[in-house]
Protein backbone atom coordinates (compact mmCIF):
# COMPACT_ATOMS: atom_id res chain seq x y z
CA MET A 1 -7.70 13.73 -24.84
CA ASN A 2 -9.37 10.99 -22.82
CA PRO A 3 -12.24 12.80 -21.06
CA ASP A 4 -11.79 10.56 -18.01
CA LEU A 5 -8.53 12.41 -17.32
CA ASP A 6 -10.70 15.28 -16.08
CA ARG A 7 -12.09 13.00 -13.36
CA LEU A 8 -8.69 12.52 -11.74
CA HIS A 9 -8.04 14.30 -8.45
CA PRO A 10 -4.70 15.97 -7.75
CA TYR A 11 -2.38 13.64 -5.84
CA PRO A 12 -2.27 14.28 -2.06
CA PHE A 13 1.19 15.82 -2.24
CA GLU A 14 0.06 18.36 -4.83
CA LYS A 15 -2.65 19.42 -2.38
CA LEU A 16 -0.09 19.58 0.42
CA SER A 17 2.23 21.81 -1.61
CA LYS A 18 -0.65 24.18 -2.31
CA LEU A 19 -1.64 24.16 1.37
CA LYS A 20 1.85 25.18 2.44
CA ALA A 21 2.44 27.73 -0.30
CA GLY A 22 3.80 30.96 1.14
CA ILE A 23 4.59 29.75 4.64
CA ARG A 24 7.99 30.48 6.14
CA VAL A 25 9.54 27.66 8.11
CA PRO A 26 11.83 28.41 11.07
CA GLN A 27 15.40 28.49 9.80
CA ASP A 28 16.86 27.36 13.12
CA LEU A 29 15.02 24.01 12.94
CA SER A 30 16.07 21.38 10.42
CA PRO A 31 13.24 20.02 8.24
CA ILE A 32 11.82 16.60 9.17
CA SER A 33 9.46 14.95 6.72
CA LEU A 34 6.91 12.44 7.98
CA GLY A 35 4.62 13.06 5.04
CA ILE A 36 5.80 10.79 2.24
CA GLY A 37 5.84 7.01 2.68
CA GLU A 38 9.25 6.59 1.08
CA PRO A 39 11.52 4.18 2.98
CA LYS A 40 14.76 5.79 4.16
CA HIS A 41 16.49 2.75 5.62
CA PRO A 42 19.55 1.71 3.56
CA SER A 43 18.93 -0.55 0.59
CA PRO A 44 20.62 -3.95 1.02
CA GLU A 45 24.22 -3.85 -0.16
CA PHE A 46 24.00 -7.33 -1.68
CA VAL A 47 21.11 -6.20 -3.89
CA LYS A 48 23.05 -3.18 -5.12
CA GLN A 49 25.99 -5.44 -5.87
CA VAL A 50 23.83 -7.71 -8.04
CA ILE A 51 22.80 -4.69 -10.12
CA ALA A 52 26.41 -3.52 -10.43
CA ASP A 53 27.52 -6.98 -11.49
CA ASN A 54 24.88 -7.27 -14.20
CA LEU A 55 24.85 -3.93 -15.99
CA ASP A 56 25.77 -5.77 -19.17
CA LYS A 57 22.16 -7.00 -19.18
CA LEU A 58 21.18 -3.51 -20.35
CA ALA A 59 21.93 -4.88 -23.81
CA ASN A 60 19.07 -7.39 -23.61
CA TYR A 61 15.33 -6.94 -24.01
CA PRO A 62 13.44 -8.37 -21.02
CA THR A 63 10.30 -10.43 -21.48
CA THR A 64 6.97 -9.27 -20.12
CA LYS A 65 6.53 -12.48 -18.14
CA GLY A 66 9.94 -12.18 -16.52
CA THR A 67 12.50 -14.93 -16.15
CA ASP A 68 11.62 -18.37 -14.88
CA GLU A 69 14.14 -17.82 -12.06
CA LEU A 70 12.39 -14.67 -10.81
CA ARG A 71 8.94 -16.24 -10.83
CA GLN A 72 10.34 -19.33 -9.08
CA ALA A 73 11.91 -17.16 -6.36
CA ILE A 74 8.62 -15.31 -5.87
CA ALA A 75 6.65 -18.57 -5.74
CA ARG A 76 9.01 -20.02 -3.12
CA TRP A 77 8.79 -16.87 -1.01
CA ALA A 78 5.00 -16.54 -1.18
CA THR A 79 4.41 -20.26 -0.57
CA ARG A 80 6.60 -20.16 2.52
CA ARG A 81 5.39 -16.81 3.83
CA PHE A 82 1.66 -17.48 3.39
CA GLU A 83 1.65 -21.19 4.24
CA LEU A 84 0.35 -22.29 0.84
CA ALA A 85 0.01 -25.91 -0.18
CA PRO A 86 3.08 -27.02 -2.17
CA GLU A 87 2.97 -26.28 -5.89
CA THR A 88 -0.43 -24.58 -5.79
CA LEU A 89 1.09 -21.17 -6.56
CA THR A 90 2.94 -22.09 -9.74
CA PRO A 91 5.57 -19.84 -11.35
CA GLU A 92 4.12 -20.56 -14.77
CA HIS A 93 0.46 -19.71 -14.23
CA HIS A 94 -0.06 -17.80 -10.97
CA ILE A 95 2.61 -15.06 -10.91
CA VAL A 96 3.33 -12.00 -13.04
CA PRO A 97 6.22 -9.64 -12.15
CA VAL A 98 5.37 -5.92 -12.15
CA ASN A 99 7.26 -2.68 -11.77
CA GLY A 100 5.97 -1.91 -8.29
CA THR A 101 2.44 -2.15 -6.93
CA ARG A 102 1.22 1.19 -8.32
CA GLU A 103 1.95 0.10 -11.88
CA GLY A 104 0.55 -3.37 -11.22
CA ILE A 105 -2.67 -2.11 -9.64
CA PHE A 106 -3.31 0.42 -12.38
CA SER A 107 -2.69 -2.00 -15.24
CA LEU A 108 -4.69 -4.83 -13.68
CA VAL A 109 -7.79 -2.65 -13.45
CA GLN A 110 -7.42 -1.64 -17.11
CA SER A 111 -7.26 -5.29 -18.13
CA VAL A 112 -10.17 -6.67 -16.07
CA VAL A 113 -12.86 -3.97 -16.06
CA ASP A 114 -15.60 -4.48 -18.65
CA SER A 115 -16.81 -0.94 -19.36
CA THR A 116 -19.46 -2.14 -21.81
CA ARG A 117 -21.68 -2.75 -18.78
CA PRO A 118 -22.09 -0.86 -15.49
CA ALA A 119 -18.77 -1.13 -13.66
CA THR A 120 -18.03 -0.26 -10.05
CA VAL A 121 -14.67 -0.48 -8.29
CA VAL A 122 -15.18 -0.68 -4.53
CA SER A 123 -12.41 0.80 -2.41
CA PRO A 124 -11.64 1.46 1.24
CA ASN A 125 -11.78 5.11 2.27
CA PRO A 126 -9.07 6.41 3.03
CA PHE A 127 -7.22 4.73 0.19
CA TYR A 128 -4.17 4.68 -2.07
CA GLN A 129 -5.20 7.09 -4.80
CA VAL A 130 -4.25 4.82 -7.70
CA TYR A 131 -7.32 2.66 -6.87
CA GLU A 132 -9.54 5.59 -7.79
CA GLY A 133 -7.52 6.76 -10.77
CA ALA A 134 -7.35 3.26 -12.23
CA ALA A 135 -11.13 2.98 -11.91
CA PHE A 136 -11.80 6.29 -13.64
CA LEU A 137 -9.47 5.56 -16.55
CA ALA A 138 -10.95 2.09 -17.02
CA GLY A 139 -14.40 3.66 -17.38
CA ALA A 140 -15.59 2.48 -13.96
CA THR A 141 -17.13 4.34 -11.03
CA PRO A 142 -15.47 4.16 -7.59
CA HIS A 143 -17.55 3.36 -4.53
CA TYR A 144 -15.98 4.22 -1.19
CA LEU A 145 -16.33 2.25 2.06
CA ALA A 146 -15.55 4.35 5.12
CA CYS A 147 -12.77 3.06 7.38
CA ASP A 148 -12.79 4.88 10.70
CA ALA A 149 -12.45 4.22 14.41
CA SER A 150 -16.03 2.92 14.61
CA ASN A 151 -15.10 -0.14 12.51
CA LYS A 152 -11.42 -0.33 13.54
CA PHE A 153 -10.56 1.04 10.09
CA ILE A 154 -11.89 -2.08 8.29
CA PRO A 155 -15.22 -1.81 6.43
CA ASP A 156 -18.13 -3.96 7.54
CA PHE A 157 -18.57 -5.63 4.16
CA GLU A 158 -21.75 -7.40 5.23
CA GLN A 159 -23.46 -4.02 5.59
CA VAL A 160 -22.77 -3.06 1.96
CA PRO A 161 -26.07 -3.31 0.06
CA ASP A 162 -26.53 -5.77 -2.80
CA SER A 163 -27.15 -2.79 -5.10
CA VAL A 164 -23.46 -1.90 -4.73
CA TRP A 165 -22.22 -5.45 -5.22
CA LYS A 166 -24.45 -5.89 -8.29
CA ASP A 167 -22.20 -3.74 -10.49
CA CYS A 168 -18.95 -4.37 -8.61
CA GLN A 169 -16.20 -5.76 -10.82
CA VAL A 170 -13.23 -5.18 -8.50
CA LEU A 171 -13.06 -4.86 -4.72
CA PHE A 172 -9.82 -3.39 -3.40
CA LEU A 173 -8.50 -4.41 -0.03
CA CYS A 174 -5.46 -2.87 1.61
CA SER A 175 -4.08 -4.99 4.43
CA PRO A 176 -2.10 -3.84 6.34
CA GLY A 177 -3.95 -0.64 5.65
CA ASN A 178 -2.63 2.64 4.35
CA PRO A 179 -2.82 4.81 6.44
CA SER A 180 -4.23 3.03 9.51
CA GLY A 181 -2.04 -0.10 9.52
CA SER A 182 -5.08 -2.25 10.35
CA VAL A 183 -4.86 -5.90 9.35
CA ILE A 184 -7.98 -7.64 8.00
CA PRO A 185 -8.52 -10.91 9.89
CA ARG A 186 -9.02 -14.31 8.25
CA GLU A 187 -12.72 -14.47 9.09
CA THR A 188 -13.37 -11.20 7.27
CA LEU A 189 -11.26 -12.22 4.26
CA ALA A 190 -13.20 -15.48 4.01
CA ARG A 191 -16.51 -13.57 4.06
CA VAL A 192 -15.21 -11.26 1.32
CA ILE A 193 -14.33 -14.28 -0.84
CA GLY A 194 -17.88 -15.55 -0.30
CA LEU A 195 -19.27 -12.19 -1.42
CA ALA A 196 -17.08 -12.33 -4.54
CA ASP A 197 -18.48 -15.75 -5.39
CA ARG A 198 -22.04 -14.61 -4.82
CA HIS A 199 -21.75 -11.41 -6.85
CA ASP A 200 -19.01 -12.36 -9.33
CA PHE A 201 -16.28 -9.78 -8.73
CA ILE A 202 -12.50 -9.85 -8.29
CA VAL A 203 -10.92 -9.33 -4.86
CA ALA A 204 -7.69 -7.37 -5.34
CA SER A 205 -5.63 -7.22 -2.15
CA ASP A 206 -2.84 -4.63 -1.89
CA GLU A 207 -0.40 -6.19 0.59
CA CYS A 208 2.68 -4.05 0.04
CA TYR A 209 3.07 -3.40 3.81
CA SER A 210 2.67 -7.06 4.77
CA GLU A 211 6.30 -7.52 5.84
CA LEU A 212 6.39 -4.62 8.29
CA TYR A 213 4.88 -5.90 11.53
CA PRO A 214 5.79 -5.69 15.23
CA ASP A 215 5.57 -9.32 16.40
CA GLU A 216 7.89 -11.78 14.64
CA SER A 217 5.60 -14.64 15.64
CA ARG A 218 2.46 -13.07 14.15
CA PRO A 219 2.89 -11.94 10.53
CA PRO A 220 -0.26 -10.48 8.96
CA GLU A 221 -2.59 -12.84 7.12
CA GLY A 222 -2.67 -12.50 3.35
CA LEU A 223 -5.56 -13.16 0.97
CA LEU A 224 -3.89 -16.19 -0.62
CA GLN A 225 -3.22 -17.54 2.87
CA THR A 226 -6.94 -17.36 3.60
CA CYS A 227 -7.59 -19.12 0.29
CA ALA A 228 -5.28 -21.94 1.38
CA ALA A 229 -6.92 -22.14 4.81
CA ILE A 230 -10.39 -22.61 3.30
CA GLY A 231 -9.20 -25.05 0.62
CA ARG A 232 -9.42 -22.61 -2.28
CA ASN A 233 -6.17 -23.70 -3.86
CA ASP A 234 -7.04 -22.34 -7.30
CA PHE A 235 -7.23 -18.80 -5.77
CA ALA A 236 -10.36 -18.17 -7.85
CA ARG A 237 -11.33 -14.48 -8.07
CA CYS A 238 -8.42 -13.56 -5.77
CA ILE A 239 -5.44 -11.39 -6.73
CA VAL A 240 -2.67 -10.01 -4.49
CA PHE A 241 -0.04 -7.32 -5.01
CA HIS A 242 3.39 -7.38 -3.34
CA SER A 243 6.45 -5.20 -3.61
CA LEU A 244 10.08 -4.93 -2.55
CA SER A 245 9.75 -1.19 -1.91
CA LYS A 246 8.78 -1.35 1.76
CA ARG A 247 9.89 -4.91 2.54
CA SER A 248 13.45 -4.41 1.34
CA ASN A 249 13.87 -0.61 1.23
CA LEU A 250 14.02 -0.71 -2.57
CA PRO A 251 11.42 1.81 -3.79
CA GLY A 252 13.68 2.84 -6.68
CA LEU A 253 13.99 -0.71 -7.97
CA ARG A 254 10.30 -0.66 -8.96
CA SER A 255 9.87 -4.37 -8.40
CA GLY A 256 6.89 -6.38 -7.24
CA PHE A 257 4.48 -9.03 -8.40
CA VAL A 258 0.83 -9.87 -8.93
CA ALA A 259 -0.30 -13.38 -7.97
CA GLY A 260 -3.47 -15.44 -7.73
CA ASP A 261 -6.20 -16.62 -10.09
CA ALA A 262 -4.51 -18.11 -13.17
CA ASP A 263 -7.38 -17.28 -15.53
CA ILE A 264 -7.28 -13.60 -14.57
CA LEU A 265 -3.50 -13.47 -14.86
CA LYS A 266 -3.58 -15.07 -18.32
CA GLY A 267 -5.58 -12.13 -19.66
CA TYR A 268 -3.57 -9.68 -17.59
CA LEU A 269 -0.31 -10.96 -19.09
CA LYS A 270 -1.74 -10.54 -22.58
CA TYR A 271 -2.61 -6.93 -21.72
CA ARG A 272 0.89 -6.31 -20.40
CA THR A 273 2.54 -7.44 -23.64
CA TYR A 274 1.00 -4.30 -25.18
CA HIS A 275 1.36 -2.14 -22.07
CA GLY A 276 5.15 -2.23 -22.51
CA CYS A 277 6.27 -2.65 -18.91
CA ALA A 278 8.77 -5.51 -18.80
CA MET A 279 11.13 -5.40 -15.82
CA PRO A 280 14.82 -4.88 -16.78
CA ILE A 281 16.84 -8.06 -16.43
CA HIS A 282 19.33 -6.63 -13.93
CA ASN A 283 16.38 -5.55 -11.78
CA GLN A 284 14.99 -9.08 -12.00
CA LEU A 285 18.29 -10.53 -10.80
CA ALA A 286 18.40 -8.04 -7.93
CA SER A 287 14.82 -8.95 -7.06
CA ILE A 288 15.68 -12.64 -6.90
CA ALA A 289 18.39 -11.86 -4.37
CA ALA A 290 15.99 -9.76 -2.28
CA TRP A 291 13.15 -12.31 -2.27
CA ASN A 292 15.62 -15.06 -1.29
CA ASP A 293 16.85 -13.27 1.85
CA GLU A 294 14.94 -12.66 5.10
CA ASP A 295 17.74 -11.40 7.35
CA HIS A 296 17.59 -7.85 6.00
CA VAL A 297 13.79 -7.85 6.33
CA ARG A 298 13.97 -8.81 10.02
CA GLU A 299 16.47 -6.00 10.57
CA ASN A 300 14.09 -3.62 8.80
CA ARG A 301 11.20 -4.63 11.06
CA ALA A 302 13.36 -4.18 14.14
CA ALA A 303 14.25 -0.64 13.08
CA TYR A 304 10.59 0.32 12.64
CA ARG A 305 9.67 -1.38 15.92
CA ALA A 306 12.23 0.74 17.75
CA LYS A 307 10.84 3.93 16.21
CA PHE A 308 7.24 3.15 17.15
CA GLU A 309 8.27 2.28 20.70
CA ALA A 310 10.15 5.57 21.01
CA VAL A 311 7.68 7.89 19.29
CA VAL A 312 4.20 6.77 20.39
CA PRO A 313 4.68 7.39 24.13
CA ILE A 314 5.92 10.91 23.38
CA LEU A 315 2.97 11.78 21.15
CA ARG A 316 0.43 10.35 23.59
CA GLU A 317 1.12 13.28 25.87
CA VAL A 318 -0.85 15.56 23.55
CA MET A 319 -2.89 13.52 21.05
CA GLY A 320 -4.78 10.28 20.56
CA VAL A 321 -2.48 7.83 18.81
CA ASP A 322 -2.27 4.03 18.76
CA PHE A 323 0.35 1.52 17.70
CA PRO A 324 -0.68 0.19 14.26
CA ASP A 325 -1.15 -3.51 13.59
CA ALA A 326 1.53 -3.24 10.88
CA GLY A 327 3.09 -0.86 8.36
CA PHE A 328 5.16 2.24 9.08
CA TYR A 329 2.46 4.89 9.52
CA LEU A 330 0.85 6.54 12.50
CA TRP A 331 -2.74 7.78 12.02
CA PRO A 332 -3.34 10.05 15.03
CA GLN A 333 -6.26 12.27 15.81
CA THR A 334 -5.43 15.96 15.73
CA PRO A 335 -6.47 18.57 18.32
CA MET A 336 -7.46 20.94 15.48
CA ASP A 337 -8.56 20.33 11.90
CA ASP A 338 -6.03 18.31 9.94
CA GLU A 339 -5.20 20.95 7.32
CA THR A 340 -4.54 23.61 9.96
CA PHE A 341 -2.47 21.11 11.96
CA ALA A 342 -0.31 20.20 8.96
CA ARG A 343 0.17 23.77 7.75
CA GLU A 344 0.95 25.29 11.13
CA LEU A 345 3.19 22.39 12.20
CA SER A 346 5.29 23.07 9.10
CA ALA A 347 5.29 26.81 9.72
CA GLN A 348 6.15 26.63 13.42
CA GLN A 349 8.26 23.46 13.77
CA ASN A 350 9.46 22.55 10.24
CA VAL A 351 7.88 19.09 10.66
CA HIS A 352 5.83 17.90 7.73
CA VAL A 353 2.84 15.53 7.83
CA LEU A 354 -0.05 14.75 5.47
CA PRO A 355 -3.62 15.86 6.24
CA GLY A 356 -5.89 12.83 6.48
CA ARG A 357 -8.62 14.35 4.32
CA TYR A 358 -6.21 14.28 1.36
CA LEU A 359 -6.28 10.48 1.47
CA SER A 360 -10.08 10.26 1.65
CA ARG A 361 -13.26 11.29 -0.10
CA THR A 362 -16.29 12.89 1.51
CA VAL A 363 -19.35 10.65 1.17
CA ASP A 364 -22.74 11.66 2.58
CA GLY A 365 -21.04 14.48 4.48
CA HIS A 366 -18.48 12.22 6.16
CA ASN A 367 -14.76 12.23 5.40
CA PRO A 368 -13.08 9.50 7.50
CA GLY A 369 -9.68 11.19 7.16
CA GLU A 370 -10.71 14.52 8.66
CA ASN A 371 -8.99 15.51 11.89
CA ARG A 372 -6.29 12.89 11.43
CA VAL A 373 -2.86 13.12 9.88
CA ARG A 374 -0.61 10.47 8.40
CA MET A 375 2.89 10.30 9.83
CA ALA A 376 5.40 8.03 8.08
CA LEU A 377 8.14 6.92 10.47
CA VAL A 378 10.64 6.53 7.66
CA ALA A 379 13.32 8.96 8.85
CA PRO A 380 16.15 7.83 11.16
CA ILE A 381 15.01 7.19 14.73
CA GLU A 382 16.72 10.32 16.03
CA GLU A 383 14.75 12.46 13.58
CA CYS A 384 11.49 10.67 14.39
CA VAL A 385 12.00 11.29 18.11
CA GLU A 386 12.91 14.92 17.47
CA ALA A 387 9.79 15.31 15.30
CA ALA A 388 7.61 13.85 18.06
CA LYS A 389 9.06 16.28 20.61
CA ARG A 390 8.44 19.21 18.28
CA ILE A 391 4.85 18.06 17.75
CA VAL A 392 4.32 18.03 21.52
CA THR A 393 5.75 21.54 21.73
CA PHE A 394 3.51 22.66 18.86
CA VAL A 395 0.31 21.24 20.34
CA LYS A 396 0.98 22.72 23.77
CA ALA A 397 1.71 26.11 22.24
CA ASN A 398 -1.51 26.08 20.22
CA LYS A 399 -4.02 24.92 22.78
CA ALA A 400 -7.21 26.96 22.62
């Protein structure tokens, strides 16, 4: 077996299951899960209809590159959404469809890391665990940049020593962030691009929460948008990941894309022809329909906005919690350690959240996820409000 498999950590939800082993939840309270970031809003009916109408496409092999029509739909959407110069993001050279961002992130790292020389993958901390796993299995070493309240959950990249950048081959960004929801501003993105030029590494920006934001007039900036703003229309060293999972409530469709630097994507596409991960044609047709429609996305944002506006004021009675810049998570401080909070909240109120330390690594004695929990406001608003009320009851009942 690949010895690097032994370097992989259990996924956060495996740790959570072990933490809660043996507890007895109250039978008179229905379970409410805020732990897993799986969208629960209805999938668009028109997308489901496209799949139903094209099941005959199961008889056809899809191509790794995807259809011209899918890449054209993605290019139109991204150009419009991120204010790119016309025809700079070309369907032919700058876009590769992927089966969701997890698959895309993992496979990109395998294709770009050169393990014949020292290789570091720099990641925010807390982070989406596939960043770390992809690094390990590509023969690279992760380096974690703490994201906590002191830096508004965005690393100060200028404070990272040159010794770290020297071996960096990939820098992961996550904006809006998981779990904090923090959005990296243009000025910071531009500085990161400058660092990539100086030290010759790839900037890989995970933007799968980019379409969930509170203010319709202020969508989050994306990395390619910053490239366009500074005149970097070849997107050199810059790669972004997008998905329909959160944007369109289609996590089961497993549909997204990677876009950016054409030279990187040329090699990545070659890798994928062996990786064996072509998107089924009926999924491609459904994806075209989803990328071409914004009405359902606005409705989705409105539903999350209503939940945040209902839940945050309730929780503020007993814990420190802020509205996120974007995304569908809350990242509150807990009045006791995060593992105890999560375990006892399940045991006493049948409400389930994820301990923050499970999303982070301890570096130099500091784990930026400790004493926080991640709450995903994915359940219906009535359940989210009920969960918030139970959390208030729980905290009040467990005050020291």
